[in-house]
Amino acid sequence: MQIKTGDKIQFHTCCNADRKTYIGIVEFTEPLGFITVVDNIQYELRKLVDISIIS
């Protein structure tokens, strides 16, 4: 999977059974690399699980 800036992704933040599914747009920042922002919370893609591109 080749994720790039502007992709719309679906992801989870943990592996727990009661986890919530999030959807966000991929951005790039110099210090962190690829991130997405959902509800004013910034998530680093390298720390997420079950990422899939939906756009």
PDB file of N, CA and C in Angstrom:
ATOM      1  N   MET A   1       0.856  -1.179   0.000  1.00  0.00           N
ATOM      2  CA  MET A   1       0.000   0.000   0.000  1.00  0.00           C
ATOM      3  C   MET A   1       0.895   1.233   0.000  1.00  0.00           C
ATOM      4  N   GLN A   2       0.662   2.124  -0.942  1.00  0.00           N
ATOM      5  CA  GLN A   2       1.455   3.341  -1.077  1.00  0.00           C
ATOM      6  C   GLN A   2       0.602   4.536  -0.660  1.00  0.00           C
ATOM      7  N   ILE A   3       0.763   5.013   0.567  1.00  0.00           N
ATOM      8  CA  ILE A   3       0.001   6.152   1.071  1.00  0.00           C
ATOM      9  C   ILE A   3       0.743   7.431   0.710  1.00  0.00           C
ATOM     10  N   LYS A   4      -0.022   8.440   0.273  1.00  0.00           N
ATOM     11  CA  LYS A   4       0.585   9.722  -0.072  1.00  0.00           C
ATOM     12  C   LYS A   4      -0.275  10.864   0.467  1.00  0.00           C
ATOM     13  N   THR A   5       0.285  12.046   0.488  1.00  0.00           N
ATOM     14  CA  THR A   5      -0.426  13.233   0.949  1.00  0.00           C
ATOM     15  C   THR A   5      -1.715  13.409   0.154  1.00  0.00           C
ATOM     16  N   GLY A   6      -2.809  13.680   0.850  1.00  0.00           N
ATOM     17  CA  GLY A   6      -4.105  13.889   0.214  1.00  0.00           C
ATOM     18  C   GLY A   6      -4.997  12.666   0.186  1.00  0.00           C
ATOM     19  N   ASP A   7      -4.450  11.478   0.460  1.00  0.00           N
ATOM     20  CA  ASP A   7      -5.269  10.265   0.499  1.00  0.00           C
ATOM     21  C   ASP A   7      -6.250  10.318   1.663  1.00  0.00           C
ATOM     22  N   LYS A   8      -7.441   9.790   1.440  1.00  0.00           N
ATOM     23  CA  LYS A   8      -8.430   9.642   2.504  1.00  0.00           C
ATOM     24  C   LYS A   8      -8.261   8.234   3.050  1.00  0.00           C
ATOM     25  N   ILE A   9      -8.035   8.117   4.356  1.00  0.00           N
ATOM     26  CA  ILE A   9      -7.776   6.808   4.950  1.00  0.00           C
ATOM     27  C   ILE A   9      -8.753   6.505   6.079  1.00  0.00           C
ATOM     28  N   GLN A  10      -8.902   5.224   6.328  1.00  0.00           N
ATOM     29  CA  GLN A  10      -9.667   4.715   7.467  1.00  0.00           C
ATOM     30  C   GLN A  10      -8.675   3.960   8.330  1.00  0.00           C
ATOM     31  N   PHE A  11      -8.769   4.109   9.657  1.00  0.00           N
ATOM     32  CA  PHE A  11      -7.780   3.474  10.528  1.00  0.00           C
ATOM     33  C   PHE A  11      -8.311   3.285  11.939  1.00  0.00           C
ATOM     34  N   HIS A  12      -7.552   2.536  12.725  1.00  0.00           N
ATOM     35  CA  HIS A  12      -7.810   2.346  14.154  1.00  0.00           C
ATOM     36  C   HIS A  12      -6.552   2.788  14.907  1.00  0.00           C
ATOM     37  N   THR A  13      -6.737   3.179  16.157  1.00  0.00           N
ATOM     38  CA  THR A  13      -5.593   3.621  16.953  1.00  0.00           C
ATOM     39  C   THR A  13      -5.050   2.524  17.853  1.00  0.00           C
ATOM     40  N   CYS A  14      -5.772   1.409  17.968  1.00  0.00           N
ATOM     41  CA  CYS A  14      -5.312   0.308  18.817  1.00  0.00           C
ATOM     42  C   CYS A  14      -5.900  -1.006  18.317  1.00  0.00           C
ATOM     43  N   CYS A  15      -5.505  -2.088  18.946  1.00  0.00           N
ATOM     44  CA  CYS A  15      -5.965  -3.420  18.529  1.00  0.00           C
ATOM     45  C   CYS A  15      -7.095  -3.955  19.410  1.00  0.00           C
ATOM     46  N   ASN A  16      -7.610  -3.171  20.327  1.00  0.00           N
ATOM     47  CA  ASN A  16      -8.665  -3.630  21.240  1.00  0.00           C
ATOM     48  C   ASN A  16      -9.966  -3.922  20.507  1.00  0.00           C
ATOM     49  N   ALA A  17     -10.773  -4.789  21.058  1.00  0.00           N
ATOM     50  CA  ALA A  17     -12.044  -5.170  20.444  1.00  0.00           C
ATOM     51  C   ALA A  17     -13.036  -4.010  20.396  1.00  0.00           C
ATOM     52  N   ASP A  18     -12.960  -3.089  21.344  1.00  0.00           N
ATOM     53  CA  ASP A  18     -13.908  -1.974  21.394  1.00  0.00           C
ATOM     54  C   ASP A  18     -13.367  -0.710  20.724  1.00  0.00           C
ATOM     55  N   ARG A  19     -12.451  -0.872  19.801  1.00  0.00           N
ATOM     56  CA  ARG A  19     -11.814   0.267  19.154  1.00  0.00           C
ATOM     57  C   ARG A  19     -12.769   1.002  18.225  1.00  0.00           C
ATOM     58  N   LYS A  20     -12.482   2.262  18.008  1.00  0.00           N
ATOM     59  CA  LYS A  20     -13.286   3.116  17.148  1.00  0.00           C
ATOM     60  C   LYS A  20     -12.588   3.261  15.795  1.00  0.00           C
ATOM     61  N   THR A  21     -13.374   3.329  14.726  1.00  0.00           N
ATOM     62  CA  THR A  21     -12.839   3.541  13.388  1.00  0.00           C
ATOM     63  C   THR A  21     -12.819   5.037  13.096  1.00  0.00           C
ATOM     64  N   TYR A  22     -11.691   5.533  12.590  1.00  0.00           N
ATOM     65  CA  TYR A  22     -11.532   6.937  12.242  1.00  0.00           C
ATOM     66  C   TYR A  22     -11.310   7.075  10.751  1.00  0.00           C
ATOM     67  N   ILE A  23     -11.665   8.244  10.211  1.00  0.00           N
ATOM     68  CA  ILE A  23     -11.409   8.570   8.810  1.00  0.00           C
ATOM     69  C   ILE A  23     -10.758   9.943   8.773  1.00  0.00           C
ATOM     70  N   GLY A  24      -9.662  10.051   7.999  1.00  0.00           N
ATOM     71  CA  GLY A  24      -8.960  11.323   7.907  1.00  0.00           C
ATOM     72  C   GLY A  24      -8.207  11.453   6.598  1.00  0.00           C
ATOM     73  N   ILE A  25      -7.706  12.649   6.339  1.00  0.00           N
ATOM     74  CA  ILE A  25      -6.920  12.956   5.148  1.00  0.00           C
ATOM     75  C   ILE A  25      -5.448  12.979   5.542  1.00  0.00           C
ATOM     76  N   VAL A  26      -4.601  12.348   4.751  1.00  0.00           N
ATOM     77  CA  VAL A  26      -3.166  12.267   5.045  1.00  0.00           C
ATOM     78  C   VAL A  26      -2.490  13.606   4.742  1.00  0.00           C
ATOM     79  N   GLU A  27      -1.672  14.050   5.687  1.00  0.00           N
ATOM     80  CA  GLU A  27      -0.868  15.259   5.539  1.00  0.00           C
ATOM     81  C   GLU A  27       0.582  14.877   5.821  1.00  0.00           C
ATOM     82  N   PHE A  28       1.491  15.798   5.564  1.00  0.00           N
ATOM     83  CA  PHE A  28       2.904  15.546   5.846  1.00  0.00           C
ATOM     84  C   PHE A  28       3.455  16.730   6.622  1.00  0.00           C
ATOM     85  N   THR A  29       4.154  16.438   7.727  1.00  0.00           N
ATOM     86  CA  THR A  29       4.836  17.489   8.476  1.00  0.00           C
ATOM     87  C   THR A  29       6.302  17.100   8.585  1.00  0.00           C
ATOM     88  N   GLU A  30       7.154  18.072   8.578  1.00  0.00           N
ATOM     89  CA  GLU A  30       8.590  17.829   8.581  1.00  0.00           C
ATOM     90  C   GLU A  30       9.062  17.014   9.786  1.00  0.00           C
ATOM     91  N   PRO A  31       8.690  17.350  11.020  1.00  0.00           N
ATOM     92  CA  PRO A  31       9.243  16.570  12.131  1.00  0.00           C
ATOM     93  C   PRO A  31       8.627  15.180  12.314  1.00  0.00           C
ATOM     94  N   LEU A  32       7.367  14.983  11.905  1.00  0.00           N
ATOM     95  CA  LEU A  32       6.668  13.725  12.194  1.00  0.00           C
ATOM     96  C   LEU A  32       6.474  12.819  10.993  1.00  0.00           C
ATOM     97  N   GLY A  33       6.582  13.316   9.801  1.00  0.00           N
ATOM     98  CA  GLY A  33       6.297  12.513   8.617  1.00  0.00           C
ATOM     99  C   GLY A  33       4.811  12.546   8.309  1.00  0.00           C
ATOM    100  N   PHE A  34       4.258  11.417   7.887  1.00  0.00           N
ATOM    101  CA  PHE A  34       2.846  11.371   7.530  1.00  0.00           C
ATOM    102  C   PHE A  34       1.967  11.361   8.779  1.00  0.00           C
ATOM    103  N   ILE A  35       0.961  12.229   8.771  1.00  0.00           N
ATOM    104  CA  ILE A  35       0.001  12.337   9.875  1.00  0.00           C
ATOM    105  C   ILE A  35      -1.396  12.483   9.291  1.00  0.00           C
ATOM    106  N   THR A  36      -2.384  12.367  10.153  1.00  0.00           N
ATOM    107  CA  THR A  36      -3.756  12.735   9.819  1.00  0.00           C
ATOM    108  C   THR A  36      -4.341  13.428  11.047  1.00  0.00           C
ATOM    109  N   VAL A  37      -5.247  14.361  10.830  1.00  0.00           N
ATOM    110  CA  VAL A  37      -5.872  15.092  11.922  1.00  0.00           C
ATOM    111  C   VAL A  37      -7.363  14.798  11.894  1.00  0.00           C
ATOM    112  N   VAL A  38      -7.892  14.298  13.019  1.00  0.00           N
ATOM    113  CA  VAL A  38      -9.316  13.983  13.148  1.00  0.00           C
ATOM    114  C   VAL A  38      -9.801  14.641  14.434  1.00  0.00           C
ATOM    115  N   ASP A  39     -10.832  15.472  14.322  1.00  0.00           N
ATOM    116  CA  ASP A  39     -11.395  16.177  15.481  1.00  0.00           C
ATOM    117  C   ASP A  39     -10.309  16.913  16.264  1.00  0.00           C
ATOM    118  N   ASN A  40      -9.433  17.607  15.553  1.00  0.00           N
ATOM    119  CA  ASN A  40      -8.335  18.401  16.130  1.00  0.00           C
ATOM    120  C   ASN A  40      -7.301  17.570  16.887  1.00  0.00           C
ATOM    121  N   ILE A  41      -7.281  16.266  16.661  1.00  0.00           N
ATOM    122  CA  ILE A  41      -6.263  15.394  17.260  1.00  0.00           C
ATOM    123  C   ILE A  41      -5.378  14.886  16.135  1.00  0.00           C
ATOM    124  N   GLN A  42      -4.075  15.036  16.317  1.00  0.00           N
ATOM    125  CA  GLN A  42      -3.098  14.633  15.311  1.00  0.00           C
ATOM    126  C   GLN A  42      -2.635  13.208  15.567  1.00  0.00           C
ATOM    127  N   TYR A  43      -2.701  12.358  14.544  1.00  0.00           N
ATOM    128  CA  TYR A  43      -2.273  10.967  14.645  1.00  0.00           C
ATOM    129  C   TYR A  43      -1.119  10.723  13.684  1.00  0.00           C
ATOM    130  N   GLU A  44      -0.048  10.116  14.172  1.00  0.00           N
ATOM    131  CA  GLU A  44       1.068   9.739  13.314  1.00  0.00           C
ATOM    132  C   GLU A  44       0.727   8.399  12.674  1.00  0.00           C
ATOM    133  N   LEU A  45       0.837   8.299  11.348  1.00  0.00           N
ATOM    134  CA  LEU A  45       0.468   7.074  10.651  1.00  0.00           C
ATOM    135  C   LEU A  45       1.281   5.877  11.109  1.00  0.00           C
ATOM    136  N   ARG A  46       2.535   6.091  11.489  1.00  0.00           N
ATOM    137  CA  ARG A  46       3.377   4.957  11.895  1.00  0.00           C
ATOM    138  C   ARG A  46       2.912   4.310  13.200  1.00  0.00           C
ATOM    139  N   LYS A  47       1.996   4.977  13.935  1.00  0.00           N
ATOM    140  CA  LYS A  47       1.496   4.433  15.199  1.00  0.00           C
ATOM    141  C   LYS A  47       0.078   3.866  15.085  1.00  0.00           C
ATOM    142  N   LEU A  48      -0.482   3.835  13.865  1.00  0.00           N
ATOM    143  CA  LEU A  48      -1.855   3.379  13.667  1.00  0.00           C
ATOM    144  C   LEU A  48      -1.897   1.948  13.169  1.00  0.00           C
ATOM    145  N   VAL A  49      -3.058   1.317  13.296  1.00  0.00           N
ATOM    146  CA  VAL A  49      -3.230  -0.062  12.822  1.00  0.00           C
ATOM    147  C   VAL A  49      -4.398  -0.123  11.838  1.00  0.00           C
ATOM    148  N   ASP A  50      -4.403  -1.154  11.022  1.00  0.00           N
ATOM    149  CA  ASP A  50      -5.491  -1.419  10.062  1.00  0.00           C
ATOM    150  C   ASP A  50      -5.792  -0.216   9.167  1.00  0.00           C
ATOM    151  N   ILE A  51      -4.751   0.404   8.627  1.00  0.00           N
ATOM    152  CA  ILE A  51      -4.940   1.545   7.737  1.00  0.00           C
ATOM    153  C   ILE A  51      -5.369   1.047   6.358  1.00  0.00           C
ATOM    154  N   SER A  52      -6.379   1.682   5.807  1.00  0.00           N
ATOM    155  CA  SER A  52      -6.776   1.391   4.426  1.00  0.00           C
ATOM    156  C   SER A  52      -7.130   2.692   3.724  1.00  0.00           C
ATOM    157  N   ILE A  53      -6.778   2.778   2.451  1.00  0.00           N
ATOM    158  CA  ILE A  53      -7.079   3.961   1.639  1.00  0.00           C
ATOM    159  C   ILE A  53      -8.509   3.823   1.130  1.00  0.00           C
ATOM    160  N   ILE A  54      -9.313   4.871   1.299  1.00  0.00           N
ATOM    161  CA  ILE A  54     -10.715   4.805   0.856  1.00  0.00           C
ATOM    162  C   ILE A  54     -11.014   5.821  -0.230  1.00  0.00           C
ATOM    163  N   SER A  55     -10.013   6.549  -0.703  1.00  0.00           N
ATOM    164  CA  SER A  55     -10.267   7.522  -1.781  1.00  0.00           C
ATOM    165  C   SER A  55      -9.775   7.013  -3.103  1.00  0.00           C
TER     166      SER A  55
END
